Amino acid sequence: MEALTLDPVLARVCGAALAVVLLSGAWQKLRDLAVFEASVDIYRLLPEALVPLFARAFPLFEALAGAALLFDATRSAGLVLSLAVLGVATAGVIANLLRGHTEIDCGCGGAEGHTTLSWALPARNTVLLIAAVLGGQDGGSRDLMWIDYLSVAGGTLALLGLYAAANQLMANHPRLIQLRN
């Protein structure tokens, strides 16, 4: 039985979209490190002495994962790093959800983001984990042609639009509930 191979366009679309998500997330965290450090502290999962170290290291690993997904030679490393970064972030959210801490900011949107913890975040991150696995594939079943690169660009923009819409819906959901009451 022959193994299922992923079309290289789909692999690159998923990899490029996830790379943009990771790189922009890292940028937002590094741009306002004090806000991200406060978010990490509010999670109450690390000893206080480790919070500053984690707050500085996490976005660096996030940026490395995103950058590595962009190049054929480092795609496998990008897959491993992105799975680790997304896994750690998702585990932190789930731990707080299980403790009933839902009124804290997720810390994933920088100073502009105001998304409180909900089960929608692990669901979104599961989709990102799937994108990481797909984007980490070789997709070498055929050579890319010029039209494929246009498809990769369009597909990447479409996935990023869906990601932005999902994030906005998650951020607005508590406000909508408040308005309804």
N, C-alpha and C. Protein backbone atom coordinates (compact mmCIF):
# COMPACT_ATOMS: atom_id res chain seq x y z
N MET A 1 0.84 -1.18 0.00
CA MET A 1 0.00 0.00 0.00
C MET A 1 0.89 1.24 0.00
N GLU A 2 0.62 2.14 -0.89
CA GLU A 2 1.42 3.35 -1.06
C GLU A 2 1.02 4.41 -0.03
N ALA A 3 2.01 5.09 0.52
CA ALA A 3 1.75 6.15 1.51
C ALA A 3 1.10 7.35 0.82
N LEU A 4 0.20 7.97 1.53
CA LEU A 4 -0.47 9.16 1.01
C LEU A 4 0.50 10.33 1.03
N THR A 5 0.69 10.97 -0.11
CA THR A 5 1.59 12.13 -0.17
C THR A 5 0.75 13.39 -0.33
N LEU A 6 1.21 14.40 0.33
CA LEU A 6 0.52 15.69 0.33
C LEU A 6 1.01 16.51 -0.86
N ASP A 7 0.08 17.17 -1.52
CA ASP A 7 0.47 18.05 -2.62
C ASP A 7 1.36 19.16 -2.07
N PRO A 8 2.44 19.49 -2.76
CA PRO A 8 3.36 20.50 -2.24
C PRO A 8 2.73 21.88 -2.07
N VAL A 9 1.69 22.19 -2.84
CA VAL A 9 1.03 23.50 -2.68
C VAL A 9 0.34 23.55 -1.33
N LEU A 10 -0.39 22.49 -0.97
CA LEU A 10 -1.07 22.46 0.31
C LEU A 10 -0.08 22.50 1.47
N ALA A 11 1.01 21.75 1.34
CA ALA A 11 2.03 21.76 2.39
C ALA A 11 2.62 23.15 2.57
N ARG A 12 2.90 23.82 1.48
CA ARG A 12 3.50 25.16 1.57
C ARG A 12 2.49 26.20 2.07
N VAL A 13 1.23 26.06 1.68
CA VAL A 13 0.20 26.98 2.16
C VAL A 13 0.10 26.88 3.68
N CYS A 14 -0.01 25.67 4.19
CA CYS A 14 -0.12 25.47 5.64
C CYS A 14 1.13 25.95 6.35
N GLY A 15 2.29 25.62 5.80
CA GLY A 15 3.54 26.04 6.42
C GLY A 15 3.72 27.55 6.42
N ALA A 16 3.39 28.19 5.31
CA ALA A 16 3.55 29.64 5.21
C ALA A 16 2.56 30.37 6.12
N ALA A 17 1.31 29.90 6.15
CA ALA A 17 0.31 30.55 7.01
C ALA A 17 0.71 30.41 8.47
N LEU A 18 1.12 29.21 8.88
CA LEU A 18 1.53 29.02 10.27
C LEU A 18 2.79 29.83 10.57
N ALA A 19 3.70 29.93 9.62
CA ALA A 19 4.90 30.73 9.83
C ALA A 19 4.54 32.19 10.10
N VAL A 20 3.61 32.73 9.35
CA VAL A 20 3.18 34.12 9.56
C VAL A 20 2.53 34.27 10.94
N VAL A 21 1.69 33.30 11.32
CA VAL A 21 1.04 33.35 12.64
C VAL A 21 2.09 33.33 13.74
N LEU A 22 3.06 32.43 13.64
CA LEU A 22 4.10 32.33 14.67
C LEU A 22 5.00 33.56 14.69
N LEU A 23 5.42 34.01 13.53
CA LEU A 23 6.30 35.18 13.48
C LEU A 23 5.60 36.44 13.98
N SER A 24 4.35 36.63 13.60
CA SER A 24 3.64 37.83 14.08
C SER A 24 3.34 37.72 15.58
N GLY A 25 3.05 36.51 16.06
CA GLY A 25 2.84 36.32 17.50
C GLY A 25 4.11 36.62 18.28
N ALA A 26 5.24 36.15 17.77
CA ALA A 26 6.52 36.42 18.44
C ALA A 26 6.81 37.92 18.43
N TRP A 27 6.55 38.57 17.32
CA TRP A 27 6.79 40.01 17.22
C TRP A 27 5.95 40.77 18.23
N GLN A 28 4.67 40.42 18.33
CA GLN A 28 3.79 41.11 19.28
C GLN A 28 4.26 40.93 20.71
N LYS A 29 4.72 39.73 21.04
CA LYS A 29 5.20 39.47 22.40
C LYS A 29 6.51 40.21 22.68
N LEU A 30 7.42 40.17 21.72
CA LEU A 30 8.72 40.83 21.91
C LEU A 30 8.60 42.35 21.90
N ARG A 31 7.64 42.86 21.13
CA ARG A 31 7.44 44.31 21.04
C ARG A 31 7.02 44.90 22.37
N ASP A 32 6.22 44.17 23.13
CA ASP A 32 5.80 44.64 24.44
C ASP A 32 6.00 43.51 25.44
N LEU A 33 7.26 43.28 25.75
CA LEU A 33 7.66 42.17 26.60
C LEU A 33 7.05 42.26 28.00
N ALA A 34 6.87 43.47 28.51
CA ALA A 34 6.30 43.63 29.86
C ALA A 34 4.87 43.10 29.90
N VAL A 35 4.09 43.35 28.86
CA VAL A 35 2.71 42.86 28.81
C VAL A 35 2.70 41.34 28.73
N PHE A 36 3.57 40.77 27.90
CA PHE A 36 3.61 39.32 27.79
C PHE A 36 4.08 38.69 29.10
N GLU A 37 5.07 39.28 29.72
CA GLU A 37 5.55 38.76 31.00
C GLU A 37 4.44 38.78 32.05
N ALA A 38 3.65 39.85 32.06
CA ALA A 38 2.51 39.93 32.98
C ALA A 38 1.49 38.83 32.67
N SER A 39 1.27 38.56 31.38
CA SER A 39 0.35 37.48 30.99
C SER A 39 0.86 36.13 31.47
N VAL A 40 2.15 35.89 31.29
CA VAL A 40 2.74 34.63 31.74
C VAL A 40 2.59 34.50 33.26
N ASP A 41 2.81 35.58 33.97
CA ASP A 41 2.71 35.57 35.43
C ASP A 41 1.28 35.27 35.89
N ILE A 42 0.30 35.84 35.20
CA ILE A 42 -1.11 35.66 35.58
C ILE A 42 -1.54 34.19 35.42
N TYR A 43 -0.90 33.46 34.53
CA TYR A 43 -1.24 32.05 34.35
C TYR A 43 -0.94 31.24 35.62
N ARG A 44 0.00 31.69 36.42
CA ARG A 44 0.36 31.05 37.69
C ARG A 44 0.76 29.57 37.50
N LEU A 45 1.56 29.31 36.47
CA LEU A 45 2.02 27.96 36.21
C LEU A 45 3.52 27.78 36.48
N LEU A 46 4.22 28.89 36.59
CA LEU A 46 5.67 28.85 36.79
C LEU A 46 6.04 29.54 38.09
N PRO A 47 7.14 29.10 38.69
CA PRO A 47 7.65 29.87 39.84
C PRO A 47 7.97 31.29 39.39
N GLU A 48 7.76 32.24 40.27
CA GLU A 48 7.93 33.66 39.93
C GLU A 48 9.31 33.96 39.33
N ALA A 49 10.34 33.27 39.80
CA ALA A 49 11.70 33.50 39.30
C ALA A 49 11.87 33.08 37.84
N LEU A 50 11.06 32.13 37.36
CA LEU A 50 11.19 31.65 35.98
C LEU A 50 10.34 32.42 34.98
N VAL A 51 9.42 33.24 35.46
CA VAL A 51 8.51 33.97 34.56
C VAL A 51 9.27 34.86 33.57
N PRO A 52 10.23 35.69 34.02
CA PRO A 52 10.94 36.54 33.05
C PRO A 52 11.72 35.73 32.01
N LEU A 53 12.34 34.63 32.44
CA LEU A 53 13.10 33.80 31.51
C LEU A 53 12.17 33.18 30.46
N PHE A 54 11.05 32.63 30.92
CA PHE A 54 10.09 32.04 30.00
C PHE A 54 9.54 33.09 29.04
N ALA A 55 9.21 34.27 29.57
CA ALA A 55 8.62 35.34 28.75
C ALA A 55 9.58 35.82 27.67
N ARG A 56 10.86 35.66 27.87
CA ARG A 56 11.84 36.06 26.86
C ARG A 56 12.14 34.91 25.90
N ALA A 57 12.17 33.68 26.42
CA ALA A 57 12.54 32.53 25.60
C ALA A 57 11.40 32.09 24.68
N PHE A 58 10.17 32.11 25.19
CA PHE A 58 9.04 31.59 24.41
C PHE A 58 8.89 32.28 23.06
N PRO A 59 8.87 33.63 23.00
CA PRO A 59 8.72 34.25 21.68
C PRO A 59 9.91 34.00 20.76
N LEU A 60 11.09 33.78 21.32
CA LEU A 60 12.24 33.46 20.48
C LEU A 60 12.06 32.09 19.82
N PHE A 61 11.60 31.12 20.60
CA PHE A 61 11.32 29.79 20.03
C PHE A 61 10.17 29.87 19.02
N GLU A 62 9.19 30.72 19.31
CA GLU A 62 8.07 30.92 18.40
C GLU A 62 8.57 31.48 17.06
N ALA A 63 9.46 32.46 17.13
CA ALA A 63 10.02 33.06 15.91
C ALA A 63 10.88 32.05 15.15
N LEU A 64 11.69 31.29 15.87
CA LEU A 64 12.51 30.26 15.22
C LEU A 64 11.64 29.23 14.51
N ALA A 65 10.57 28.81 15.16
CA ALA A 65 9.66 27.84 14.55
C ALA A 65 9.06 28.40 13.27
N GLY A 66 8.59 29.64 13.33
CA GLY A 66 7.99 30.26 12.15
C GLY A 66 8.98 30.40 11.01
N ALA A 67 10.17 30.87 11.32
CA ALA A 67 11.19 31.05 10.27
C ALA A 67 11.61 29.70 9.68
N ALA A 68 11.72 28.69 10.51
CA ALA A 68 12.17 27.38 10.03
C ALA A 68 11.15 26.74 9.09
N LEU A 69 9.87 27.03 9.30
CA LEU A 69 8.84 26.45 8.41
C LEU A 69 8.90 27.01 6.99
N LEU A 70 9.58 28.11 6.80
CA LEU A 70 9.61 28.76 5.49
C LEU A 70 10.60 28.15 4.50
N PHE A 71 11.55 27.37 4.99
CA PHE A 71 12.62 26.88 4.12
C PHE A 71 12.65 25.36 4.09
N ASP A 72 12.89 24.81 2.90
CA ASP A 72 12.91 23.36 2.74
C ASP A 72 13.92 22.70 3.68
N ALA A 73 15.10 23.27 3.81
CA ALA A 73 16.16 22.65 4.60
C ALA A 73 15.84 22.60 6.09
N THR A 74 14.97 23.51 6.58
CA THR A 74 14.68 23.58 8.01
C THR A 74 13.23 23.25 8.34
N ARG A 75 12.48 22.78 7.36
CA ARG A 75 11.05 22.53 7.57
C ARG A 75 10.80 21.50 8.67
N SER A 76 11.60 20.45 8.75
CA SER A 76 11.41 19.43 9.79
C SER A 76 11.65 20.01 11.18
N ALA A 77 12.68 20.82 11.31
CA ALA A 77 12.94 21.47 12.59
C ALA A 77 11.82 22.44 12.93
N GLY A 78 11.30 23.12 11.93
CA GLY A 78 10.18 24.03 12.14
C GLY A 78 8.95 23.29 12.62
N LEU A 79 8.73 22.09 12.09
CA LEU A 79 7.61 21.27 12.52
C LEU A 79 7.75 20.93 14.00
N VAL A 80 8.90 20.45 14.40
CA VAL A 80 9.13 20.06 15.80
C VAL A 80 8.99 21.27 16.72
N LEU A 81 9.62 22.38 16.36
CA LEU A 81 9.54 23.59 17.19
C LEU A 81 8.11 24.14 17.27
N SER A 82 7.40 24.15 16.16
CA SER A 82 6.04 24.68 16.18
C SER A 82 5.12 23.79 17.00
N LEU A 83 5.31 22.47 16.93
CA LEU A 83 4.51 21.57 17.76
C LEU A 83 4.81 21.82 19.24
N ALA A 84 6.08 22.05 19.57
CA ALA A 84 6.45 22.31 20.97
C ALA A 84 5.86 23.63 21.45
N VAL A 85 6.00 24.68 20.65
CA VAL A 85 5.49 26.00 21.03
C VAL A 85 3.97 25.98 21.20
N LEU A 86 3.29 25.42 20.21
CA LEU A 86 1.83 25.35 20.28
C LEU A 86 1.37 24.43 21.41
N GLY A 87 2.11 23.35 21.62
CA GLY A 87 1.78 22.43 22.71
C GLY A 87 1.90 23.06 24.07
N VAL A 88 2.98 23.81 24.30
CA VAL A 88 3.18 24.49 25.58
C VAL A 88 2.09 25.54 25.80
N ALA A 89 1.81 26.34 24.78
CA ALA A 89 0.78 27.37 24.90
C ALA A 89 -0.59 26.76 25.17
N THR A 90 -0.92 25.70 24.46
CA THR A 90 -2.22 25.05 24.63
C THR A 90 -2.32 24.41 26.02
N ALA A 91 -1.25 23.78 26.48
CA ALA A 91 -1.26 23.17 27.81
C ALA A 91 -1.48 24.23 28.90
N GLY A 92 -0.87 25.40 28.73
CA GLY A 92 -1.07 26.48 29.70
C GLY A 92 -2.51 26.96 29.74
N VAL A 93 -3.12 27.08 28.58
CA VAL A 93 -4.52 27.52 28.50
C VAL A 93 -5.42 26.46 29.14
N ILE A 94 -5.21 25.20 28.79
CA ILE A 94 -6.06 24.12 29.32
C ILE A 94 -5.92 24.02 30.83
N ALA A 95 -4.69 24.14 31.35
CA ALA A 95 -4.49 24.08 32.80
C ALA A 95 -5.30 25.15 33.51
N ASN A 96 -5.32 26.36 32.96
CA ASN A 96 -6.10 27.44 33.59
C ASN A 96 -7.59 27.25 33.41
N LEU A 97 -8.01 26.74 32.27
CA LEU A 97 -9.43 26.47 32.07
C LEU A 97 -9.93 25.43 33.08
N LEU A 98 -9.13 24.40 33.29
CA LEU A 98 -9.51 23.36 34.24
C LEU A 98 -9.56 23.89 35.67
N ARG A 99 -8.78 24.92 35.97
CA ARG A 99 -8.82 25.55 37.30
C ARG A 99 -9.91 26.61 37.39
N GLY A 100 -10.60 26.87 36.28
CA GLY A 100 -11.68 27.85 36.29
C GLY A 100 -11.22 29.28 36.10
N HIS A 101 -9.99 29.47 35.70
CA HIS A 101 -9.44 30.82 35.47
C HIS A 101 -9.71 31.25 34.04
N THR A 102 -10.88 31.79 33.79
CA THR A 102 -11.26 32.16 32.43
C THR A 102 -11.25 33.67 32.20
N GLU A 103 -11.12 34.44 33.23
CA GLU A 103 -11.18 35.90 33.09
C GLU A 103 -9.82 36.54 32.85
N ILE A 104 -8.81 35.74 32.51
CA ILE A 104 -7.49 36.30 32.24
C ILE A 104 -7.25 36.35 30.73
N ASP A 105 -6.41 37.27 30.31
CA ASP A 105 -6.08 37.42 28.90
C ASP A 105 -5.15 36.28 28.48
N CYS A 106 -5.34 35.76 27.28
CA CYS A 106 -4.54 34.63 26.83
C CYS A 106 -3.06 35.00 26.63
N GLY A 107 -2.78 36.26 26.37
CA GLY A 107 -1.40 36.67 26.14
C GLY A 107 -0.92 36.40 24.73
N CYS A 108 -1.82 35.98 23.86
CA CYS A 108 -1.41 35.61 22.50
C CYS A 108 -1.52 36.76 21.50
N GLY A 109 -2.12 37.86 21.91
CA GLY A 109 -2.32 38.95 20.96
C GLY A 109 -1.53 40.20 21.25
N GLY A 110 -0.58 40.14 22.17
CA GLY A 110 0.18 41.33 22.51
C GLY A 110 -0.69 42.33 23.27
N ALA A 111 -0.26 43.57 23.29
CA ALA A 111 -0.96 44.61 24.03
C ALA A 111 -2.35 44.89 23.45
N GLU A 112 -2.53 44.66 22.14
CA GLU A 112 -3.81 44.95 21.49
C GLU A 112 -4.82 43.83 21.70
N GLY A 113 -4.35 42.62 21.96
CA GLY A 113 -5.24 41.48 22.09
C GLY A 113 -5.91 41.44 23.44
N HIS A 114 -7.18 41.18 23.44
CA HIS A 114 -7.93 41.07 24.68
C HIS A 114 -8.83 39.84 24.60
N THR A 115 -8.21 38.69 24.40
CA THR A 115 -8.95 37.45 24.30
C THR A 115 -8.83 36.71 25.63
N THR A 116 -9.96 36.56 26.30
CA THR A 116 -9.94 35.82 27.55
C THR A 116 -9.93 34.32 27.26
N LEU A 117 -9.51 33.55 28.25
CA LEU A 117 -9.39 32.12 28.07
C LEU A 117 -10.77 31.48 27.89
N SER A 118 -10.83 30.60 26.90
CA SER A 118 -12.03 29.81 26.64
C SER A 118 -11.59 28.54 25.92
N TRP A 119 -12.51 27.60 25.82
CA TRP A 119 -12.19 26.35 25.12
C TRP A 119 -12.02 26.56 23.62
N ALA A 120 -12.38 27.73 23.14
CA ALA A 120 -12.15 28.03 21.72
C ALA A 120 -10.65 28.14 21.42
N LEU A 121 -9.85 28.56 22.40
CA LEU A 121 -8.40 28.68 22.17
C LEU A 121 -7.74 27.31 21.94
N PRO A 122 -7.99 26.30 22.78
CA PRO A 122 -7.42 24.98 22.45
C PRO A 122 -7.94 24.43 21.13
N ALA A 123 -9.21 24.73 20.80
CA ALA A 123 -9.75 24.28 19.51
C ALA A 123 -8.98 24.95 18.37
N ARG A 124 -8.77 26.27 18.48
CA ARG A 124 -8.02 26.98 17.45
C ARG A 124 -6.60 26.44 17.36
N ASN A 125 -5.98 26.20 18.51
CA ASN A 125 -4.61 25.70 18.51
C ASN A 125 -4.51 24.28 17.95
N THR A 126 -5.57 23.50 18.09
CA THR A 126 -5.59 22.16 17.48
C THR A 126 -5.54 22.29 15.96
N VAL A 127 -6.28 23.25 15.43
CA VAL A 127 -6.23 23.50 13.98
C VAL A 127 -4.81 23.94 13.58
N LEU A 128 -4.19 24.78 14.41
CA LEU A 128 -2.82 25.21 14.11
C LEU A 128 -1.84 24.03 14.19
N LEU A 129 -2.06 23.12 15.13
CA LEU A 129 -1.21 21.92 15.22
C LEU A 129 -1.35 21.06 13.96
N ILE A 130 -2.56 20.94 13.46
CA ILE A 130 -2.79 20.20 12.22
C ILE A 130 -2.08 20.91 11.06
N ALA A 131 -2.18 22.24 11.03
CA ALA A 131 -1.48 23.00 9.98
C ALA A 131 0.02 22.80 10.09
N ALA A 132 0.54 22.70 11.33
CA ALA A 132 1.98 22.46 11.51
C ALA A 132 2.39 21.11 10.92
N VAL A 133 1.59 20.10 11.19
CA VAL A 133 1.90 18.76 10.66
C VAL A 133 1.85 18.77 9.13
N LEU A 134 0.82 19.41 8.58
CA LEU A 134 0.72 19.49 7.12
C LEU A 134 1.83 20.36 6.54
N GLY A 135 2.10 21.49 7.18
CA GLY A 135 3.13 22.39 6.69
C GLY A 135 4.53 21.86 6.86
N GLY A 136 4.71 20.92 7.78
CA GLY A 136 6.03 20.32 7.98
C GLY A 136 6.33 19.19 7.01
N GLN A 137 5.35 18.83 6.18
CA GLN A 137 5.54 17.75 5.21
C GLN A 137 6.43 18.23 4.06
N ASP A 138 7.08 17.25 3.47
CA ASP A 138 7.94 17.56 2.33
C ASP A 138 7.10 18.02 1.14
N GLY A 139 6.02 17.35 0.88
CA GLY A 139 5.19 17.72 -0.27
C GLY A 139 5.94 17.62 -1.58
N GLY A 140 6.89 16.72 -1.64
CA GLY A 140 7.75 16.62 -2.82
C GLY A 140 7.24 15.68 -3.89
N SER A 141 5.93 15.50 -3.97
CA SER A 141 5.39 14.57 -4.95
C SER A 141 5.52 15.08 -6.38
N ARG A 142 5.74 16.40 -6.53
CA ARG A 142 5.92 16.98 -7.86
C ARG A 142 6.64 18.32 -7.71
N ASP A 143 7.21 18.77 -8.79
CA ASP A 143 7.86 20.08 -8.78
C ASP A 143 6.81 21.17 -8.90
N LEU A 144 7.08 22.30 -8.25
CA LEU A 144 6.15 23.43 -8.33
C LEU A 144 6.38 24.19 -9.63
N MET A 145 5.28 24.68 -10.19
CA MET A 145 5.33 25.52 -11.38
C MET A 145 4.97 26.93 -10.97
N TRP A 146 5.09 27.88 -11.86
CA TRP A 146 4.85 29.28 -11.52
C TRP A 146 3.44 29.52 -10.98
N ILE A 147 2.46 28.83 -11.53
CA ILE A 147 1.07 29.03 -11.08
C ILE A 147 0.88 28.50 -9.65
N ASP A 148 1.69 27.50 -9.27
CA ASP A 148 1.62 26.96 -7.92
C ASP A 148 2.00 28.02 -6.88
N TYR A 149 2.96 28.84 -7.23
CA TYR A 149 3.39 29.89 -6.29
C TYR A 149 2.27 30.92 -6.08
N LEU A 150 1.50 31.20 -7.12
CA LEU A 150 0.33 32.07 -6.96
C LEU A 150 -0.72 31.41 -6.07
N SER A 151 -0.89 30.11 -6.24
CA SER A 151 -1.82 29.35 -5.40
C SER A 151 -1.37 29.35 -3.94
N VAL A 152 -0.08 29.21 -3.73
CA VAL A 152 0.45 29.26 -2.36
C VAL A 152 0.18 30.63 -1.73
N ALA A 153 0.43 31.68 -2.49
CA ALA A 153 0.19 33.03 -1.97
C ALA A 153 -1.29 33.25 -1.65
N GLY A 154 -2.16 32.88 -2.57
CA GLY A 154 -3.59 33.04 -2.35
C GLY A 154 -4.11 32.18 -1.21
N GLY A 155 -3.67 30.93 -1.16
CA GLY A 155 -4.08 30.03 -0.08
C GLY A 155 -3.60 30.50 1.28
N THR A 156 -2.38 31.02 1.32
CA THR A 156 -1.83 31.55 2.57
C THR A 156 -2.65 32.73 3.06
N LEU A 157 -2.95 33.65 2.14
CA LEU A 157 -3.77 34.81 2.52
C LEU A 157 -5.17 34.39 2.97
N ALA A 158 -5.74 33.38 2.33
CA ALA A 158 -7.07 32.90 2.72
C ALA A 158 -7.03 32.30 4.13
N LEU A 159 -6.03 31.48 4.42
CA LEU A 159 -5.92 30.90 5.76
C LEU A 159 -5.67 31.96 6.82
N LEU A 160 -4.86 32.96 6.49
CA LEU A 160 -4.61 34.05 7.44
C LEU A 160 -5.88 34.86 7.70
N GLY A 161 -6.70 35.04 6.67
CA GLY A 161 -7.98 35.72 6.85
C GLY A 161 -8.91 34.94 7.76
N LEU A 162 -8.95 33.62 7.59
CA LEU A 162 -9.77 32.77 8.47
C LEU A 162 -9.26 32.83 9.90
N TYR A 163 -7.95 32.81 10.06
CA TYR A 163 -7.34 32.89 11.40
C TYR A 163 -7.70 34.22 12.07
N ALA A 164 -7.58 35.31 11.34
CA ALA A 164 -7.90 36.63 11.89
C ALA A 164 -9.38 36.72 12.27
N ALA A 165 -10.24 36.17 11.42
CA ALA A 165 -11.68 36.19 11.71
C ALA A 165 -11.99 35.37 12.96
N ALA A 166 -11.38 34.20 13.09
CA ALA A 166 -11.59 33.36 14.27
C ALA A 166 -11.12 34.07 15.53
N ASN A 167 -9.96 34.71 15.45
CA ASN A 167 -9.45 35.45 16.62
C ASN A 167 -10.38 36.59 17.00
N GLN A 168 -10.91 37.29 16.02
CA GLN A 168 -11.81 38.41 16.32
C GLN A 168 -13.10 37.90 16.94
N LEU A 169 -13.61 36.79 16.44
CA LEU A 169 -14.82 36.21 17.02
C LEU A 169 -14.58 35.79 18.47
N MET A 170 -13.42 35.19 18.76
CA MET A 170 -13.09 34.79 20.13
C MET A 170 -12.96 36.01 21.04
N ALA A 171 -12.36 37.07 20.53
CA ALA A 171 -12.18 38.28 21.34
C ALA A 171 -13.52 38.96 21.61
N ASN A 172 -14.44 38.92 20.65
CA ASN A 172 -15.74 39.59 20.80
C ASN A 172 -16.78 38.76 21.53
N HIS A 173 -16.59 37.48 21.64
CA HIS A 173 -17.60 36.61 22.24
C HIS A 173 -18.02 37.04 23.64
N PRO A 174 -17.08 37.32 24.56
CA PRO A 174 -17.52 37.77 25.90
C PRO A 174 -18.33 39.09 25.85
N ARG A 175 -17.95 39.98 24.96
CA ARG A 175 -18.68 41.24 24.83
C ARG A 175 -20.11 41.01 24.31
N LEU A 176 -20.24 40.09 23.37
CA LEU A 176 -21.56 39.77 22.83
C LEU A 176 -22.46 39.15 23.91
N ILE A 177 -21.90 38.31 24.72
CA ILE A 177 -22.67 37.71 25.82
C ILE A 177 -23.09 38.79 26.80
N GLN A 178 -22.18 39.71 27.08
CA GLN A 178 -22.48 40.81 28.00
C GLN A 178 -23.61 41.70 27.44
N LEU A 179 -23.57 41.97 26.15
CA LEU A 179 -24.62 42.77 25.52
C LEU A 179 -25.96 42.06 25.57
N ARG A 180 -25.93 40.76 25.36
CA ARG A 180 -27.16 39.97 25.35
C ARG A 180 -27.83 39.99 26.72
N ASN A 181 -27.02 40.04 27.78
CA ASN A 181 -27.57 40.06 29.15
C ASN A 181 -27.95 41.48 29.48
